[in-house]
Amino acid sequence: MHRAIGQGSVSGHFGEIIQGSFRDPDGAIVRALVTLRCPLFQAWALFELTSDTEVTIEPSYCVKAKRAAENTLAYVGLLGQGGRLHIKSNAPIGIGAGSSTGDVVAAIRAVNEACRAGLTPMEVARLAVDTETAIDPIMLRASPEVLFTYRNGTVLERFSRCLPSVRVLGFTDGQPVDTVNHPPARYDRVQIAEFEELRNRLRRAIDRADTADIGRIATRSAEINQAYLPKPSWLLLRDIVRDAGAIGLAVSHSGSAVALLFDPRPDRSDVGMARARHRLDEAGICRRWHFLAGGSS
């Protein structure tokens, strides 16, 4: 058996700008999201195709990545073929930063390269959904940004460009979430109608690079989803947004991640970010991340 080696990598995310239920072109209700991408978190995979009949994985707890490799081998016509898969990732687990999706996508990309299969990004997306049911669109390019059906692995809408740049002060609020066992939100008709309004507003805000309205849209999506996965410090978070002059906040709708969003220009956000850090210190929230999202990041 020819031995071949492939590598794959992908960046993570830090919650979502918006996540809810929307109508597709046929009028059906589908769940979809716009991801807040985070360049700080990376997953990397190395796959060696061998004469073995099973895939072995290191570290052993990365069972989803192992399943992704097996699914990919079957998809490219190598059912029953084995190999050695190694995963590395710096994404925190269980907060909504794409740790499992990152492992899965990196593994699929590594197998794809080892097999010289030429999978498209949408094929990678569908394989990732088959592996773990719900995913973020981190396998797709950030420009243009997409509204992604995270349980189907399809693009519901492709916007005109990427999200405009925002400065992010990220942290966690609450305990890690078991996304497999956590029940999905059951939005009512009023909420679904509002998500459509937010989708239209987001389209216009991206067209105009209107970071202020994007902040408001993200905050409203977080507010709606507070009924389904509440952030324990919600009132404090809203107070910090006002006190620090942030443009809004984004959350993980299936994790504990919270992102305070600021104007990308330091002269307009340095003071506010310092104030936000002070308030978070007072609340005992000390594990934090700072990054630039959107734009060319």
Protein backbone atom coordinates (compact mmCIF):
# COMPACT_ATOMS: atom_id res chain seq x y z
CA MET A 1 0.00 0.00 0.00
CA HIS A 2 1.35 3.41 -0.96
CA ARG A 3 2.14 5.51 2.10
CA ALA A 4 0.99 9.09 1.83
CA ILE A 5 0.89 11.94 4.31
CA GLY A 6 -1.45 14.90 4.41
CA GLN A 7 -1.83 17.94 6.64
CA GLY A 8 -4.85 20.09 7.41
CA SER A 9 -5.47 23.15 9.54
CA VAL A 10 -8.27 25.59 10.27
CA SER A 11 -8.94 28.63 12.46
CA GLY A 12 -11.65 28.65 15.10
CA HIS A 13 -14.34 31.11 16.12
CA PHE A 14 -15.67 32.81 19.24
CA GLY A 15 -19.42 32.48 19.28
CA GLU A 16 -21.74 33.94 16.68
CA ILE A 17 -22.87 37.33 15.42
CA ILE A 18 -26.34 35.88 14.90
CA GLN A 19 -27.90 32.45 15.34
CA GLY A 20 -31.54 31.56 14.93
CA SER A 21 -34.16 30.14 12.58
CA PHE A 22 -34.71 31.58 9.10
CA ARG A 23 -36.72 30.81 5.97
CA ASP A 24 -34.98 29.19 3.03
CA PRO A 25 -35.96 29.97 -0.61
CA ASP A 26 -38.73 27.34 -0.42
CA GLY A 27 -40.20 28.86 2.74
CA ALA A 28 -38.99 26.10 5.06
CA ILE A 29 -37.64 27.05 8.48
CA VAL A 30 -33.95 26.22 8.91
CA ARG A 31 -31.43 26.90 11.65
CA ALA A 32 -28.53 29.10 10.58
CA LEU A 33 -25.78 31.34 11.93
CA VAL A 34 -23.09 33.87 11.10
CA THR A 35 -19.85 32.99 12.86
CA LEU A 36 -17.56 35.41 14.68
CA ARG A 37 -14.25 34.06 13.44
CA CYS A 38 -11.23 34.04 15.76
CA PRO A 39 -7.67 33.84 14.39
CA LEU A 40 -6.24 33.02 17.84
CA PHE A 41 -7.49 29.43 17.82
CA GLN A 42 -6.08 26.87 15.43
CA ALA A 43 -6.56 23.15 14.90
CA TRP A 44 -3.95 21.14 13.00
CA ALA A 45 -4.01 17.54 11.78
CA LEU A 46 -1.48 15.16 10.29
CA PHE A 47 -2.72 11.98 8.61
CA GLU A 48 -0.61 9.12 7.31
CA LEU A 49 -2.32 6.63 5.04
CA THR A 50 -1.00 3.16 5.83
CA SER A 51 -1.74 -0.50 5.10
CA ASP A 52 -3.68 -0.77 8.37
CA THR A 53 -7.41 -1.40 8.32
CA GLU A 54 -8.23 1.02 11.14
CA VAL A 55 -7.61 4.69 11.89
CA THR A 56 -5.69 5.34 15.08
CA ILE A 57 -5.88 8.74 16.74
CA GLU A 58 -3.58 10.75 18.99
CA PRO A 59 -4.67 12.09 21.43
CA SER A 60 -7.16 9.30 22.01
CA TYR A 61 -9.98 11.56 23.21
CA CYS A 62 -10.34 13.19 19.77
CA VAL A 63 -12.97 10.65 18.79
CA LYS A 64 -14.85 13.02 16.48
CA ALA A 65 -11.71 13.67 14.47
CA LYS A 66 -11.16 9.91 14.16
CA ARG A 67 -14.73 9.47 12.94
CA ALA A 68 -14.24 12.34 10.48
CA ALA A 69 -11.17 10.63 9.04
CA GLU A 70 -13.05 7.34 8.68
CA ASN A 71 -16.02 9.07 7.03
CA THR A 72 -13.70 10.89 4.63
CA LEU A 73 -11.88 7.70 3.64
CA ALA A 74 -15.22 6.04 2.92
CA TYR A 75 -16.40 9.07 0.94
CA VAL A 76 -13.35 9.04 -1.34
CA GLY A 77 -13.71 5.31 -2.00
CA LEU A 78 -11.34 3.91 0.62
CA LEU A 79 -13.82 2.29 3.00
CA GLY A 80 -11.96 0.07 5.46
CA GLN A 81 -8.64 1.79 4.80
CA GLY A 82 -6.67 2.89 7.87
CA GLY A 83 -3.98 5.25 8.91
CA ARG A 84 -2.53 7.33 11.71
CA LEU A 85 -4.11 10.65 12.66
CA HIS A 86 -2.55 13.22 14.97
CA ILE A 87 -4.45 16.29 16.18
CA LYS A 88 -3.23 19.48 17.83
CA SER A 89 -5.44 22.37 18.91
CA ASN A 90 -5.26 25.40 21.19
CA ALA A 91 -9.02 26.05 21.19
CA PRO A 92 -10.64 25.89 24.64
CA ILE A 93 -13.10 23.00 24.92
CA GLY A 94 -16.81 23.55 25.54
CA ILE A 95 -17.00 27.33 25.33
CA GLY A 96 -18.19 27.74 21.73
CA ALA A 97 -14.81 28.38 20.11
CA GLY A 98 -14.96 25.65 17.49
CA SER A 99 -12.77 23.10 19.28
CA SER A 100 -14.58 20.01 17.98
CA THR A 101 -15.41 21.44 14.55
CA GLY A 102 -11.79 22.53 14.22
CA ASP A 103 -10.51 19.03 14.95
CA VAL A 104 -13.02 17.53 12.52
CA VAL A 105 -12.30 19.94 9.66
CA ALA A 106 -8.52 19.68 10.12
CA ALA A 107 -8.80 15.89 10.04
CA ILE A 108 -10.91 15.92 6.86
CA ARG A 109 -8.45 18.26 5.18
CA ALA A 110 -5.49 16.09 6.20
CA VAL A 111 -7.11 12.94 4.81
CA ASN A 112 -8.10 14.83 1.67
CA GLU A 113 -4.49 15.87 1.10
CA ALA A 114 -3.10 12.41 1.84
CA CYS A 115 -5.53 10.82 -0.63
CA ARG A 116 -5.22 13.61 -3.21
CA ALA A 117 -9.03 13.60 -3.31
CA GLY A 118 -9.64 17.25 -4.22
CA LEU A 119 -12.61 17.78 -1.91
CA THR A 120 -14.38 21.13 -2.20
CA PRO A 121 -15.09 23.27 0.89
CA MET A 122 -18.78 22.35 0.67
CA GLU A 123 -17.90 18.64 0.56
CA VAL A 124 -15.78 19.22 3.66
CA ALA A 125 -18.77 20.93 5.27
CA ARG A 126 -21.11 18.04 4.54
CA LEU A 127 -18.62 15.49 5.86
CA ALA A 128 -18.22 17.57 9.01
CA VAL A 129 -22.00 17.65 9.54
CA ASP A 130 -22.18 13.90 9.01
CA THR A 131 -19.55 13.54 11.72
CA GLU A 132 -20.87 15.82 14.46
CA THR A 133 -24.41 16.95 13.53
CA ALA A 134 -23.87 20.70 13.99
CA ILE A 135 -20.88 22.72 12.81
CA ASP A 136 -19.65 26.24 12.14
CA PRO A 137 -18.58 27.37 8.66
CA ILE A 138 -14.89 27.67 9.53
CA MET A 139 -14.01 25.55 6.47
CA LEU A 140 -15.31 28.34 4.21
CA ARG A 141 -13.49 31.54 3.36
CA ALA A 142 -14.40 34.59 5.42
CA SER A 143 -15.04 36.71 2.35
CA PRO A 144 -17.81 36.93 1.52
CA GLU A 145 -19.40 36.10 4.85
CA VAL A 146 -22.20 33.54 4.89
CA LEU A 147 -25.39 32.70 6.72
CA PHE A 148 -24.77 28.99 7.25
CA THR A 149 -27.21 26.18 8.00
CA TYR A 150 -25.16 24.52 10.67
CA ARG A 151 -27.14 21.27 10.78
CA ASN A 152 -27.28 20.86 6.98
CA GLY A 153 -23.85 22.15 6.02
CA THR A 154 -25.17 24.53 3.34
CA VAL A 155 -25.05 28.25 2.66
CA LEU A 156 -28.43 29.92 3.15
CA GLU A 157 -27.15 33.33 2.05
CA ARG A 158 -23.84 34.64 0.80
CA PHE A 159 -23.37 38.28 1.71
CA SER A 160 -21.67 40.92 -0.42
CA ARG A 161 -18.42 40.95 1.54
CA CYS A 162 -16.85 39.88 4.82
CA LEU A 163 -17.87 41.32 8.16
CA PRO A 164 -16.20 44.69 8.82
CA SER A 165 -13.41 44.74 11.37
CA VAL A 166 -14.26 44.81 15.05
CA ARG A 167 -12.04 44.62 18.12
CA VAL A 168 -13.03 41.80 20.43
CA LEU A 169 -12.53 41.33 24.15
CA GLY A 170 -13.54 37.72 24.75
CA PHE A 171 -14.09 35.69 27.90
CA THR A 172 -16.41 33.01 29.24
CA ASP A 173 -19.52 33.28 31.36
CA GLY A 174 -20.81 30.09 32.90
CA GLN A 175 -19.77 26.46 32.62
CA PRO A 176 -18.75 24.58 29.46
CA VAL A 177 -21.71 23.25 27.51
CA ASP A 178 -22.26 19.68 26.35
CA THR A 179 -23.51 20.55 22.87
CA VAL A 180 -24.45 16.96 22.07
CA ASN A 181 -26.96 16.73 24.91
CA HIS A 182 -28.04 20.37 25.15
CA PRO A 183 -31.49 20.74 23.54
CA PRO A 184 -31.68 23.14 20.56
CA ALA A 185 -33.65 26.35 20.98
CA ARG A 186 -37.34 26.21 20.04
CA TYR A 187 -38.06 29.66 18.63
CA ASP A 188 -41.64 30.85 18.34
CA ARG A 189 -43.18 32.58 15.32
CA VAL A 190 -42.50 36.06 16.67
CA GLN A 191 -38.84 35.27 17.22
CA ILE A 192 -38.47 33.67 13.78
CA ALA A 193 -39.97 36.79 12.21
CA GLU A 194 -37.53 38.94 14.15
CA PHE A 195 -34.60 36.81 13.02
CA GLU A 196 -35.63 37.54 9.43
CA GLU A 197 -35.59 41.26 10.23
CA LEU A 198 -32.14 40.90 11.80
CA ARG A 199 -30.96 39.02 8.72
CA ASN A 200 -32.10 41.89 6.47
CA ARG A 201 -30.44 44.42 8.76
CA LEU A 202 -27.22 42.40 8.78
CA ARG A 203 -27.19 42.30 4.99
CA ARG A 204 -27.44 46.09 4.85
CA ALA A 205 -24.89 46.55 7.65
CA ILE A 206 -22.36 44.37 5.83
CA ASP A 207 -22.99 46.28 2.60
CA ARG A 208 -22.28 49.57 4.39
CA ALA A 209 -19.57 48.22 6.71
CA ASP A 210 -21.73 49.53 9.55
CA THR A 211 -19.99 48.10 12.62
CA ALA A 212 -22.33 49.90 15.02
CA ASP A 213 -25.42 48.19 13.66
CA ILE A 214 -23.64 44.84 13.53
CA GLY A 215 -23.00 45.29 17.25
CA ARG A 216 -26.68 45.97 17.86
CA ILE A 217 -27.72 42.95 15.76
CA ALA A 218 -25.35 40.66 17.65
CA THR A 219 -26.66 41.97 20.96
CA ARG A 220 -30.28 41.37 19.98
CA SER A 221 -29.51 37.81 18.85
CA ALA A 222 -27.86 37.22 22.21
CA GLU A 223 -30.91 38.65 23.98
CA ILE A 224 -33.30 36.32 22.19
CA ASN A 225 -31.15 33.32 22.94
CA GLN A 226 -30.80 34.26 26.61
CA ALA A 227 -34.08 32.37 27.08
CA TYR A 228 -32.52 29.15 25.77
CA LEU A 229 -28.92 29.21 27.03
CA PRO A 230 -28.75 31.98 29.63
CA LYS A 231 -25.49 33.69 30.46
CA PRO A 232 -25.36 33.95 34.28
CA SER A 233 -23.87 37.46 34.25
CA TRP A 234 -26.21 38.87 31.59
CA LEU A 235 -27.20 42.04 33.49
CA LEU A 236 -23.57 42.76 34.32
CA LEU A 237 -22.56 42.19 30.70
CA ARG A 238 -25.14 44.65 29.42
CA ASP A 239 -23.98 47.18 32.00
CA ILE A 240 -20.35 46.75 30.89
CA VAL A 241 -21.37 47.31 27.26
CA ARG A 242 -22.92 50.66 28.21
CA ASP A 243 -20.16 51.68 30.63
CA ALA A 244 -17.33 50.81 28.23
CA GLY A 245 -18.95 52.24 25.11
CA ALA A 246 -18.82 48.89 23.29
CA ILE A 247 -20.81 48.60 20.07
CA GLY A 248 -22.41 45.44 21.40
CA LEU A 249 -21.78 41.89 22.48
CA ALA A 250 -21.82 38.53 20.75
CA VAL A 251 -22.20 35.19 22.48
CA SER A 252 -21.87 31.54 21.77
CA HIS A 253 -25.42 30.31 21.33
CA SER A 254 -24.26 26.82 22.33
CA GLY A 255 -21.41 27.59 24.73
CA SER A 256 -20.15 29.97 27.39
CA ALA A 257 -18.15 32.36 25.19
CA VAL A 258 -18.95 36.07 25.34
CA ALA A 259 -17.37 38.70 23.08
CA LEU A 260 -17.52 42.41 23.80
CA LEU A 261 -17.36 44.18 20.42
CA PHE A 262 -15.56 47.50 19.97
CA ASP A 263 -14.77 49.95 17.21
CA PRO A 264 -11.66 48.68 15.38
CA ARG A 265 -9.87 52.03 15.72
CA PRO A 266 -7.72 52.10 18.88
CA ASP A 267 -8.28 55.82 19.42
CA ARG A 268 -12.00 55.11 19.71
CA SER A 269 -11.84 51.93 21.78
CA ASP A 270 -8.69 51.82 23.95
CA VAL A 271 -10.29 53.67 26.86
CA GLY A 272 -13.46 51.62 26.68
CA MET A 273 -11.58 48.33 26.54
CA ALA A 274 -9.53 49.33 29.58
CA ARG A 275 -12.75 50.15 31.43
CA ALA A 276 -14.25 46.81 30.42
CA ARG A 277 -11.18 44.93 31.63
CA HIS A 278 -11.44 46.71 34.99
CA ARG A 279 -15.10 45.75 35.36
CA LEU A 280 -14.33 42.14 34.44
CA ASP A 281 -11.47 42.07 36.96
CA GLU A 282 -13.88 43.26 39.64
CA ALA A 283 -16.25 40.42 38.69
CA GLY A 284 -13.44 37.85 38.88
CA ILE A 285 -13.50 37.18 35.12
CA CYS A 286 -9.77 37.02 34.43
CA ARG A 287 -9.35 34.53 31.58
CA ARG A 288 -9.67 36.68 28.49
CA TRP A 289 -8.73 36.90 24.81
CA HIS A 290 -8.22 40.00 22.67
CA PHE A 291 -8.29 39.85 18.87
CA LEU A 292 -9.38 41.60 15.70
CA ALA A 293 -12.22 39.93 13.84
CA GLY A 294 -13.72 40.58 10.42
CA GLY A 295 -12.09 42.59 7.68
CA SER A 296 -8.99 40.87 6.35
CA SER A 297 -8.33 39.02 9.63
